[in-house]
Amino acid sequence: MNDNFMEQEAQKAFGNSFVEAKDTNTCVRCGKSVTEHKTTLYAREYEISRLCDECQDHIFVEPDDDCSL
């Protein structure tokens, strides 16, 4: 995805700059500095979304077993 699209979506969702988060290694949602990750999967997702591990845990939750789509 291009940074322009991600910038627009980050502004809508979080009111923060995706490009700034990318340039400063911070989380686009909470603004926390990001220097390491729990796993390589978290690191890969950070490269895509610029969400820190904690925010990823908050946003990407496992569906309940009772949840039927």
C-alpha atoms as a PDB file:
ATOM      1  CA  MET A   1       0.000   0.000   0.000  1.00  0.00           C
ATOM      2  CA  ASN A   2       1.222   3.462  -0.609  1.00  0.00           C
ATOM      3  CA  ASP A   3       1.947   5.929   2.173  1.00  0.00           C
ATOM      4  CA  ASN A   4      -0.621   8.425   0.889  1.00  0.00           C
ATOM      5  CA  PHE A   5      -3.461   5.925   1.347  1.00  0.00           C
ATOM      6  CA  MET A   6      -2.140   4.841   4.757  1.00  0.00           C
ATOM      7  CA  GLU A   7      -1.797   8.496   5.791  1.00  0.00           C
ATOM      8  CA  GLN A   8      -5.437   9.209   4.955  1.00  0.00           C
ATOM      9  CA  GLU A   9      -6.665   6.106   6.776  1.00  0.00           C
ATOM     10  CA  ALA A  10      -4.513   6.770   9.859  1.00  0.00           C
ATOM     11  CA  GLN A  11      -5.810  10.330  10.033  1.00  0.00           C
ATOM     12  CA  LYS A  12      -9.408   9.060   9.864  1.00  0.00           C
ATOM     13  CA  ALA A  13      -8.934   6.220  12.349  1.00  0.00           C
ATOM     14  CA  PHE A  14      -6.507   7.700  14.879  1.00  0.00           C
ATOM     15  CA  GLY A  15      -6.115  11.404  14.100  1.00  0.00           C
ATOM     16  CA  ASN A  16      -2.364  10.829  13.737  1.00  0.00           C
ATOM     17  CA  SER A  17       0.133  10.770  10.899  1.00  0.00           C
ATOM     18  CA  PHE A  18       1.210   7.418   9.437  1.00  0.00           C
ATOM     19  CA  VAL A  19       4.200   9.059   7.737  1.00  0.00           C
ATOM     20  CA  GLU A  20       5.317  10.694  10.990  1.00  0.00           C
ATOM     21  CA  ALA A  21       4.999   7.371  12.835  1.00  0.00           C
ATOM     22  CA  LYS A  22       7.063   5.738  10.100  1.00  0.00           C
ATOM     23  CA  ASP A  23       9.732   8.454  10.193  1.00  0.00           C
ATOM     24  CA  THR A  24      10.027   8.466  13.997  1.00  0.00           C
ATOM     25  CA  ASN A  25       9.488   4.740  14.775  1.00  0.00           C
ATOM     26  CA  THR A  26       6.437   5.433  16.896  1.00  0.00           C
ATOM     27  CA  CYS A  27       2.961   3.939  17.077  1.00  0.00           C
ATOM     28  CA  VAL A  28       0.405   5.674  14.881  1.00  0.00           C
ATOM     29  CA  ARG A  29      -2.317   5.024  17.478  1.00  0.00           C
ATOM     30  CA  CYS A  30      -0.738   5.742  20.892  1.00  0.00           C
ATOM     31  CA  GLY A  31       2.454   7.591  19.922  1.00  0.00           C
ATOM     32  CA  LYS A  32       4.702   5.291  21.959  1.00  0.00           C
ATOM     33  CA  SER A  33       8.273   4.749  20.742  1.00  0.00           C
ATOM     34  CA  VAL A  34       8.694   1.355  19.073  1.00  0.00           C
ATOM     35  CA  THR A  35      12.131  -0.240  19.432  1.00  0.00           C
ATOM     36  CA  GLU A  36      11.414  -3.969  19.707  1.00  0.00           C
ATOM     37  CA  HIS A  37       8.599  -6.473  19.226  1.00  0.00           C
ATOM     38  CA  LYS A  38       7.296  -9.601  20.966  1.00  0.00           C
ATOM     39  CA  THR A  39       7.663 -11.720  17.822  1.00  0.00           C
ATOM     40  CA  THR A  40       8.595 -11.397  14.175  1.00  0.00           C
ATOM     41  CA  LEU A  41       4.880 -11.397  13.347  1.00  0.00           C
ATOM     42  CA  TYR A  42       4.385  -8.252  15.436  1.00  0.00           C
ATOM     43  CA  ALA A  43       7.404  -6.688  13.723  1.00  0.00           C
ATOM     44  CA  ARG A  44       6.005  -7.492  10.277  1.00  0.00           C
ATOM     45  CA  GLU A  45       2.614  -6.028  11.176  1.00  0.00           C
ATOM     46  CA  TYR A  46       4.295  -2.892  12.532  1.00  0.00           C
ATOM     47  CA  GLU A  47       5.968  -2.403   9.146  1.00  0.00           C
ATOM     48  CA  ILE A  48       2.510  -2.459   7.535  1.00  0.00           C
ATOM     49  CA  SER A  49       0.311  -0.610  10.025  1.00  0.00           C
ATOM     50  CA  ARG A  50       2.736   1.289  12.304  1.00  0.00           C
ATOM     51  CA  LEU A  51       0.860  -0.085  15.325  1.00  0.00           C
ATOM     52  CA  CYS A  52       2.918  -1.077  18.389  1.00  0.00           C
ATOM     53  CA  ASP A  53       2.531  -4.544  19.902  1.00  0.00           C
ATOM     54  CA  GLU A  54       0.077  -3.350  22.568  1.00  0.00           C
ATOM     55  CA  CYS A  55      -2.129  -1.556  20.049  1.00  0.00           C
ATOM     56  CA  GLN A  56      -2.043  -4.577  17.758  1.00  0.00           C
ATOM     57  CA  ASP A  57      -3.282  -6.685  20.690  1.00  0.00           C
ATOM     58  CA  HIS A  58      -6.059  -4.167  21.279  1.00  0.00           C
ATOM     59  CA  ILE A  59      -7.178  -3.924  17.655  1.00  0.00           C
ATOM     60  CA  PHE A  60      -6.596  -7.451  16.361  1.00  0.00           C
ATOM     61  CA  VAL A  61      -8.483  -9.594  18.857  1.00  0.00           C
ATOM     62  CA  GLU A  62      -9.416 -13.230  18.438  1.00  0.00           C
ATOM     63  CA  PRO A  63     -13.141 -13.716  17.795  1.00  0.00           C
ATOM     64  CA  ASP A  64     -15.151 -15.357  20.572  1.00  0.00           C
ATOM     65  CA  ASP A  65     -16.039 -18.998  20.076  1.00  0.00           C
ATOM     66  CA  ASP A  66     -19.670 -17.952  20.427  1.00  0.00           C
ATOM     67  CA  CYS A  67     -19.352 -15.406  17.625  1.00  0.00           C
ATOM     68  CA  SER A  68     -20.891 -16.546  14.376  1.00  0.00           C
ATOM     69  CA  LEU A  69     -20.404 -14.501  11.244  1.00  0.00           C
END
